[in-house]
Amino acid sequence: MKKVRLFGLLSALLLILSLAAPFASAQEGGSILDQVRARGSLICGVNGGLPGFGYLDPDTGEMLGFDADFCRALAAAIFGEVTSDNLVFVQTTAQERFTLIQNRQIDVLFRNATWTLQRDAELGIDFGPTTFYDGQGVMVPADLGVSSIDDLNGASICVLTGTTTELNITEAMEKRGFTYELVKFEKPAETIGGLEEGRCDALTSDISQLAGLRSGTADPGKYVILPDVISKEPLTPAYIEGDPVWADVVNWTVFATIQAEEFGITQANIDEFLASDDQAIQRFLGQGDQASGSLLGLDNDFVVNIIRAVGNYGEIFERNVGVNTPLGLERGLNALWTDGGLIYAPAWR
């Protein structure tokens, strides 16, 4: 996997200022797709501090994770490959992530963001396909001796501020008539630090995030994720609204990884499938006279470039968060629809 540039927020803002013209609105300056191409780089917002989803490799400084790989997929779809110049990661907090989209300081957000009615209707942004079906849970020290959220009356709970997580836990505790204290933080690493230091009795977040944070502790066995699931958390990419061209490019990049898994196409066997005489495969891979990417303003073989860069959805999942990683997550709802899950791509015709 090729290394890409990583910018802190300040560096990214300086880059934006130097490229002010290409950051005109979609209505004023054409689609974001045109602007990304003119700039020569995709600016992708990620978490940056969440193991498994978006985090810095301590040895190489490379941004890794499930969400980071979807940034790579999008860069490959647009530019044909991922290089040190054409993909810029911007680490974002939960508080600022949507503002960065609104202000056009990032082109797209892949950062464990939940699709909600209020966000969709009020923030001037749109949400893409769900990349990870999640739910909110609660993690506690094993020696606390609790087995359910129903045992947490009077507890203090670490939570990320400015998130649906904060709202959901408030409703869940008040519905039970419990007394509680929310200990609020701005970054995931601060929430797990609060739990480790005893500043709170429990930590609540998306279950995937809890698993990621637990994996980064000195002794993951000291913490237990309770069985309760108190919300629906469809995690999706997000981007500015009013740009259907860009929306299609982002959405069908995600769908390409899903359809590739359904066809059984991987990084390892892509060349074999390029020789297939199956019309559905040829159409999907944009081979011969089969139009595919050109319908989106991309190269016809953009799917091939995505698969070469990151593989299919299953490969992205298993490499970053699956059962053989420190997170140890089962596919569950994130299995393909053919395997009883919810992961599904529209017809590729």
Protein backbone atom coordinates (compact mmCIF):
# COMPACT_ATOMS: atom_id res chain seq x y z
CA MET A 1 0.00 0.00 0.00
CA LYS A 2 1.52 3.34 -1.05
CA LYS A 3 2.17 6.03 1.49
CA VAL A 4 0.21 9.26 1.11
CA ARG A 5 0.73 12.71 2.50
CA LEU A 6 -0.79 13.49 5.88
CA PHE A 7 -1.62 17.06 6.79
CA GLY A 8 -2.58 18.35 10.21
CA LEU A 9 -5.53 20.72 10.20
CA LEU A 10 -3.35 23.85 10.15
CA SER A 11 -1.33 22.61 7.18
CA ALA A 12 -4.50 21.63 5.36
CA LEU A 13 -6.01 25.08 5.92
CA LEU A 14 -2.89 26.70 4.51
CA LEU A 15 -3.20 24.44 1.48
CA ILE A 16 -6.84 25.47 1.08
CA LEU A 17 -5.98 29.17 1.20
CA SER A 18 -3.37 28.71 -1.50
CA LEU A 19 -5.94 26.98 -3.68
CA ALA A 20 -8.88 29.27 -3.03
CA ALA A 21 -10.06 29.46 -6.64
CA PRO A 22 -10.55 25.69 -7.08
CA PHE A 23 -12.62 25.68 -3.88
CA ALA A 24 -15.45 27.73 -5.33
CA SER A 25 -18.88 26.25 -4.79
CA ALA A 26 -20.11 23.55 -7.10
CA GLN A 27 -22.52 26.02 -8.63
CA GLU A 28 -19.78 28.61 -9.25
CA GLY A 29 -16.89 26.42 -10.28
CA GLY A 30 -18.32 23.19 -11.66
CA SER A 31 -18.36 19.89 -9.88
CA ILE A 32 -16.00 19.04 -7.06
CA LEU A 33 -14.75 16.30 -9.39
CA ASP A 34 -13.46 19.00 -11.78
CA GLN A 35 -11.90 20.92 -8.92
CA VAL A 36 -10.16 17.84 -7.50
CA ARG A 37 -8.72 17.06 -10.90
CA ALA A 38 -7.57 20.64 -11.44
CA ARG A 39 -5.88 20.63 -8.03
CA GLY A 40 -4.36 17.22 -8.62
CA SER A 41 -5.31 15.87 -5.22
CA LEU A 42 -8.28 14.60 -3.21
CA ILE A 43 -8.62 16.06 0.30
CA CYS A 44 -10.27 13.46 2.49
CA GLY A 45 -11.40 14.00 6.08
CA VAL A 46 -10.78 11.11 8.48
CA ASN A 47 -10.68 10.48 12.21
CA GLY A 48 -6.95 10.03 12.65
CA GLY A 49 -7.17 8.63 16.16
CA LEU A 50 -9.41 5.59 15.90
CA PRO A 51 -7.67 2.20 15.56
CA GLY A 52 -9.14 0.11 12.77
CA PHE A 53 -10.91 2.98 11.04
CA GLY A 54 -8.59 5.96 10.72
CA TYR A 55 -5.30 6.12 12.60
CA LEU A 56 -1.62 6.88 12.14
CA ASP A 57 0.77 3.97 11.93
CA PRO A 58 3.23 4.74 14.75
CA ASP A 59 6.16 3.38 12.74
CA THR A 60 5.55 4.89 9.30
CA GLY A 61 3.23 7.83 9.95
CA GLU A 62 0.89 6.42 7.31
CA MET A 63 -2.86 6.82 7.71
CA LEU A 64 -4.42 3.39 7.96
CA GLY A 65 -7.88 1.95 8.55
CA PHE A 66 -11.26 1.08 7.09
CA ASP A 67 -12.25 4.70 6.39
CA ALA A 68 -8.77 5.59 5.13
CA ASP A 69 -9.02 2.78 2.57
CA PHE A 70 -12.23 4.25 1.17
CA CYS A 71 -10.36 7.54 0.71
CA ARG A 72 -7.76 5.54 -1.24
CA ALA A 73 -10.50 3.88 -3.29
CA LEU A 74 -11.90 7.28 -4.27
CA ALA A 75 -8.47 8.66 -5.19
CA ALA A 76 -7.83 5.57 -7.34
CA ALA A 77 -11.21 6.00 -9.06
CA ILE A 78 -10.39 9.60 -9.98
CA PHE A 79 -6.67 9.46 -10.74
CA GLY A 80 -6.14 5.80 -11.69
CA GLU A 81 -3.79 5.14 -8.77
CA VAL A 82 -2.94 6.39 -5.30
CA THR A 83 0.30 8.33 -5.02
CA SER A 84 2.09 10.49 -2.47
CA ASP A 85 0.71 13.56 -4.26
CA ASN A 86 -2.92 12.84 -5.12
CA LEU A 87 -4.39 12.01 -1.71
CA VAL A 88 -4.27 14.30 1.32
CA PHE A 89 -5.70 13.15 4.65
CA VAL A 90 -7.06 15.74 7.07
CA GLN A 91 -7.65 14.62 10.64
CA THR A 92 -10.94 15.98 11.99
CA THR A 93 -12.70 16.05 15.34
CA ALA A 94 -16.37 15.18 15.79
CA GLN A 95 -17.08 18.86 16.48
CA GLU A 96 -15.51 20.24 13.30
CA ARG A 97 -16.03 17.46 10.73
CA PHE A 98 -19.23 18.77 9.14
CA THR A 99 -18.06 22.39 9.23
CA LEU A 100 -15.05 21.37 7.14
CA ILE A 101 -17.42 20.02 4.50
CA GLN A 102 -19.61 23.13 4.60
CA ASN A 103 -16.58 25.40 4.23
CA ARG A 104 -15.16 23.22 1.43
CA GLN A 105 -12.00 22.56 3.41
CA ILE A 106 -12.34 18.87 2.60
CA ASP A 107 -13.82 17.24 -0.48
CA VAL A 108 -15.34 14.26 1.31
CA LEU A 109 -15.58 12.87 4.82
CA PHE A 110 -14.95 9.22 5.64
CA ARG A 111 -15.01 9.42 9.42
CA ASN A 112 -17.44 7.09 11.24
CA ALA A 113 -20.21 9.68 10.74
CA THR A 114 -23.82 8.68 11.42
CA TRP A 115 -26.48 9.52 8.83
CA THR A 116 -29.40 11.23 10.60
CA LEU A 117 -32.49 13.17 9.53
CA GLN A 118 -31.44 16.42 11.18
CA ARG A 119 -27.94 16.36 9.72
CA ASP A 120 -29.26 15.52 6.26
CA ALA A 121 -31.91 18.25 6.34
CA GLU A 122 -30.12 21.10 8.10
CA LEU A 123 -26.37 20.98 7.52
CA GLY A 124 -26.19 21.49 3.76
CA ILE A 125 -24.46 18.15 3.28
CA ASP A 126 -25.46 14.82 1.77
CA PHE A 127 -24.66 11.29 2.89
CA GLY A 128 -23.51 8.43 0.70
CA PRO A 129 -24.05 4.67 0.99
CA THR A 130 -23.68 3.10 4.41
CA THR A 131 -20.20 1.60 4.62
CA PHE A 132 -20.60 0.20 8.15
CA TYR A 133 -23.81 -0.68 10.00
CA ASP A 134 -23.18 -0.04 13.67
CA GLY A 135 -24.97 0.59 16.94
CA GLN A 136 -24.13 2.43 20.13
CA GLY A 137 -22.92 0.44 23.11
CA VAL A 138 -21.26 0.86 26.48
CA MET A 139 -17.84 -0.37 27.63
CA VAL A 140 -16.87 -0.79 31.29
CA PRO A 141 -13.91 -2.10 33.26
CA ALA A 142 -14.41 -5.83 33.78
CA ASP A 143 -13.88 -5.44 37.50
CA LEU A 144 -16.81 -3.02 37.76
CA GLY A 145 -18.98 -6.12 37.91
CA VAL A 146 -21.88 -4.94 35.74
CA SER A 147 -23.53 -6.92 32.95
CA SER A 148 -25.96 -4.41 31.44
CA ILE A 149 -26.64 -0.72 31.03
CA ASP A 150 -29.44 -1.34 33.53
CA ASP A 151 -26.73 -1.66 36.21
CA LEU A 152 -25.38 1.85 35.60
CA ASN A 153 -27.69 3.98 37.75
CA GLY A 154 -25.54 6.72 39.27
CA ALA A 155 -22.64 6.11 36.87
CA SER A 156 -20.35 8.65 35.27
CA ILE A 157 -19.98 8.04 31.53
CA CYS A 158 -17.23 9.23 29.17
CA VAL A 159 -18.62 10.45 25.83
CA LEU A 160 -17.57 12.39 22.73
CA THR A 161 -19.21 15.80 22.72
CA GLY A 162 -21.16 17.02 19.69
CA THR A 163 -22.18 13.53 18.58
CA THR A 164 -25.32 11.43 18.29
CA THR A 165 -23.63 9.31 20.97
CA GLU A 166 -24.10 12.06 23.52
CA LEU A 167 -27.79 12.44 22.64
CA ASN A 168 -28.48 8.70 22.63
CA ILE A 169 -26.94 7.96 26.02
CA THR A 170 -28.83 10.91 27.52
CA GLU A 171 -32.13 9.51 26.25
CA ALA A 172 -31.26 5.96 27.34
CA MET A 173 -30.40 6.99 30.90
CA GLU A 174 -33.34 9.35 31.30
CA LYS A 175 -35.73 6.76 29.91
CA ARG A 176 -34.63 4.48 32.75
CA GLY A 177 -34.99 7.25 35.31
CA PHE A 178 -31.31 6.98 36.20
CA THR A 179 -29.05 9.61 37.68
CA TYR A 180 -25.80 9.94 35.75
CA GLU A 181 -22.95 12.27 34.83
CA LEU A 182 -21.59 12.75 31.31
CA VAL A 183 -17.85 13.39 31.19
CA LYS A 184 -17.35 15.01 27.78
CA PHE A 185 -14.29 14.91 25.53
CA GLU A 186 -13.49 16.07 22.00
CA LYS A 187 -11.30 13.19 20.82
CA PRO A 188 -11.71 9.39 21.02
CA ALA A 189 -8.28 8.98 22.61
CA GLU A 190 -9.38 11.29 25.40
CA THR A 191 -12.48 9.21 26.13
CA ILE A 192 -10.57 5.95 26.56
CA GLY A 193 -7.97 7.83 28.56
CA GLY A 194 -10.72 9.01 30.87
CA LEU A 195 -11.93 5.44 31.39
CA GLU A 196 -8.40 4.15 32.01
CA GLU A 197 -7.71 6.91 34.51
CA GLY A 198 -10.93 6.28 36.42
CA ARG A 199 -12.49 9.62 35.52
CA CYS A 200 -15.65 7.76 34.52
CA ASP A 201 -17.26 4.41 35.25
CA ALA A 202 -18.17 3.65 31.65
CA LEU A 203 -17.51 4.76 28.09
CA THR A 204 -20.19 4.94 25.41
CA SER A 205 -19.73 5.13 21.65
CA ASP A 206 -20.42 3.12 18.50
CA ILE A 207 -19.57 -0.50 19.21
CA SER A 208 -16.96 -0.49 16.45
CA GLN A 209 -15.30 2.52 18.04
CA LEU A 210 -15.35 0.89 21.46
CA ALA A 211 -13.63 -2.16 19.97
CA GLY A 212 -11.03 0.05 18.33
CA LEU A 213 -10.33 2.04 21.47
CA ARG A 214 -10.12 -1.13 23.56
CA SER A 215 -7.60 -2.62 21.14
CA GLY A 216 -5.26 0.31 21.80
CA THR A 217 -5.14 -0.11 25.57
CA ALA A 218 -2.28 -1.81 27.39
CA ASP A 219 -4.57 -4.65 28.48
CA PRO A 220 -7.72 -4.98 26.33
CA GLY A 221 -8.92 -7.85 28.54
CA LYS A 222 -9.57 -5.37 31.33
CA TYR A 223 -12.57 -3.92 29.48
CA VAL A 224 -15.94 -5.42 28.54
CA ILE A 225 -18.41 -4.18 25.93
CA LEU A 226 -21.88 -4.71 27.37
CA PRO A 227 -24.46 -6.55 25.21
CA ASP A 228 -26.89 -3.62 25.06
CA VAL A 229 -27.29 -1.83 21.71
CA ILE A 230 -29.11 1.46 22.24
CA SER A 231 -29.24 2.97 18.74
CA LYS A 232 -28.89 2.52 15.00
CA GLU A 233 -25.67 4.03 13.64
CA PRO A 234 -25.37 3.81 9.84
CA LEU A 235 -21.87 5.15 9.16
CA THR A 236 -21.50 6.80 5.77
CA PRO A 237 -19.35 9.15 3.72
CA ALA A 238 -20.53 12.77 3.65
CA TYR A 239 -20.03 15.61 1.16
CA ILE A 240 -21.49 19.00 0.22
CA GLU A 241 -25.02 18.90 -1.13
CA GLY A 242 -26.03 20.20 -4.56
CA ASP A 243 -23.34 18.43 -6.58
CA PRO A 244 -24.90 15.32 -8.13
CA VAL A 245 -21.81 14.57 -10.23
CA TRP A 246 -19.59 14.36 -7.15
CA ALA A 247 -22.24 12.43 -5.23
CA ASP A 248 -22.36 9.81 -8.00
CA VAL A 249 -18.57 9.44 -8.03
CA VAL A 250 -18.37 8.94 -4.26
CA ASN A 251 -21.39 6.64 -4.11
CA TRP A 252 -20.43 4.38 -6.99
CA THR A 253 -16.87 4.11 -5.69
CA VAL A 254 -18.32 2.57 -2.52
CA PHE A 255 -20.70 0.40 -4.53
CA ALA A 256 -17.80 -0.82 -6.67
CA THR A 257 -16.07 -2.36 -3.66
CA ILE A 258 -19.31 -4.12 -2.68
CA GLN A 259 -20.09 -5.45 -6.15
CA ALA A 260 -16.50 -6.66 -6.50
CA GLU A 261 -16.92 -8.81 -3.41
CA GLU A 262 -20.21 -10.17 -4.73
CA PHE A 263 -18.48 -11.18 -7.97
CA GLY A 264 -15.55 -12.65 -6.03
CA ILE A 265 -13.07 -10.19 -7.56
CA THR A 266 -10.04 -9.42 -5.35
CA GLN A 267 -6.68 -7.69 -5.57
CA ALA A 268 -5.10 -11.09 -6.14
CA ASN A 269 -7.34 -12.32 -8.98
CA ILE A 270 -8.33 -9.13 -10.80
CA ASP A 271 -6.21 -10.04 -13.85
CA GLU A 272 -8.06 -13.34 -14.24
CA PHE A 273 -11.40 -11.54 -14.28
CA LEU A 274 -10.18 -9.06 -16.88
CA ALA A 275 -10.08 -12.00 -19.29
CA SER A 276 -13.64 -13.10 -18.45
CA ASP A 277 -16.18 -13.38 -21.28
CA ASP A 278 -19.07 -12.86 -18.85
CA GLN A 279 -20.89 -9.73 -20.01
CA ALA A 280 -21.79 -8.68 -16.47
CA ILE A 281 -18.13 -8.89 -15.45
CA GLN A 282 -17.00 -7.01 -18.56
CA ARG A 283 -19.56 -4.29 -17.91
CA PHE A 284 -18.52 -4.00 -14.26
CA LEU A 285 -14.82 -3.76 -15.11
CA GLY A 286 -15.41 -1.44 -18.07
CA GLN A 287 -13.79 -3.77 -20.58
CA GLY A 288 -14.16 -3.72 -24.35
CA ASP A 289 -16.98 -1.43 -25.46
CA GLN A 290 -18.79 -1.66 -22.14
CA ALA A 291 -19.44 1.83 -20.74
CA SER A 292 -19.06 2.12 -16.99
CA GLY A 293 -16.87 4.90 -15.63
CA SER A 294 -17.59 7.21 -18.57
CA LEU A 295 -21.16 7.48 -17.30
CA LEU A 296 -19.71 9.09 -14.15
CA GLY A 297 -17.04 11.20 -15.81
CA LEU A 298 -14.35 8.65 -14.91
CA ASP A 299 -12.23 6.22 -16.90
CA ASN A 300 -14.21 3.17 -17.93
CA ASP A 301 -11.87 0.91 -15.97
CA PHE A 302 -12.13 2.94 -12.73
CA VAL A 303 -13.35 -0.17 -10.92
CA VAL A 304 -10.16 -2.01 -11.88
CA ASN A 305 -8.13 0.84 -10.40
CA ILE A 306 -10.12 0.71 -7.15
CA ILE A 307 -9.64 -3.04 -6.75
CA ARG A 308 -5.92 -2.82 -7.48
CA ALA A 309 -5.57 -0.09 -4.85
CA VAL A 310 -7.63 -1.49 -1.93
CA GLY A 311 -9.43 -4.69 -2.94
CA ASN A 312 -13.12 -5.38 -2.45
CA TYR A 313 -15.35 -4.50 0.50
CA GLY A 314 -14.65 -7.78 2.27
CA GLU A 315 -10.90 -7.29 1.93
CA ILE A 316 -11.15 -3.75 3.32
CA PHE A 317 -13.23 -5.02 6.25
CA GLU A 318 -11.10 -8.02 7.13
CA ARG A 319 -7.79 -6.19 6.75
CA ASN A 320 -8.76 -3.39 9.12
CA VAL A 321 -11.43 -4.53 11.58
CA GLY A 322 -12.14 -8.23 10.97
CA VAL A 323 -11.83 -11.25 13.23
CA ASN A 324 -8.07 -11.57 12.67
CA THR A 325 -7.34 -7.98 13.68
CA PRO A 326 -7.09 -6.54 17.19
CA LEU A 327 -10.70 -5.32 16.86
CA GLY A 328 -11.92 -8.85 16.13
CA LEU A 329 -15.25 -7.81 14.58
CA GLU A 330 -17.56 -10.31 12.89
CA ARG A 331 -19.16 -9.26 9.63
CA GLY A 332 -22.67 -9.43 11.13
CA LEU A 333 -24.92 -6.82 9.50
CA ASN A 334 -21.93 -5.85 7.36
CA ALA A 335 -21.99 -9.13 5.48
CA LEU A 336 -23.17 -9.10 1.88
CA TRP A 337 -26.91 -9.39 1.34
CA THR A 338 -26.25 -12.81 -0.16
CA ASP A 339 -24.85 -13.89 3.23
CA GLY A 340 -27.67 -12.46 5.33
CA GLY A 341 -26.19 -9.00 5.84
CA LEU A 342 -27.23 -5.51 4.72
CA ILE A 343 -24.34 -4.71 2.37
CA TYR A 344 -25.84 -4.30 -1.09
CA ALA A 345 -24.96 -2.50 -4.32
CA PRO A 346 -27.52 -1.33 -6.93
CA ALA A 347 -27.66 -3.03 -10.31
CA TRP A 348 -24.50 -2.38 -12.35
CA ARG A 349 -26.15 -1.71 -15.69
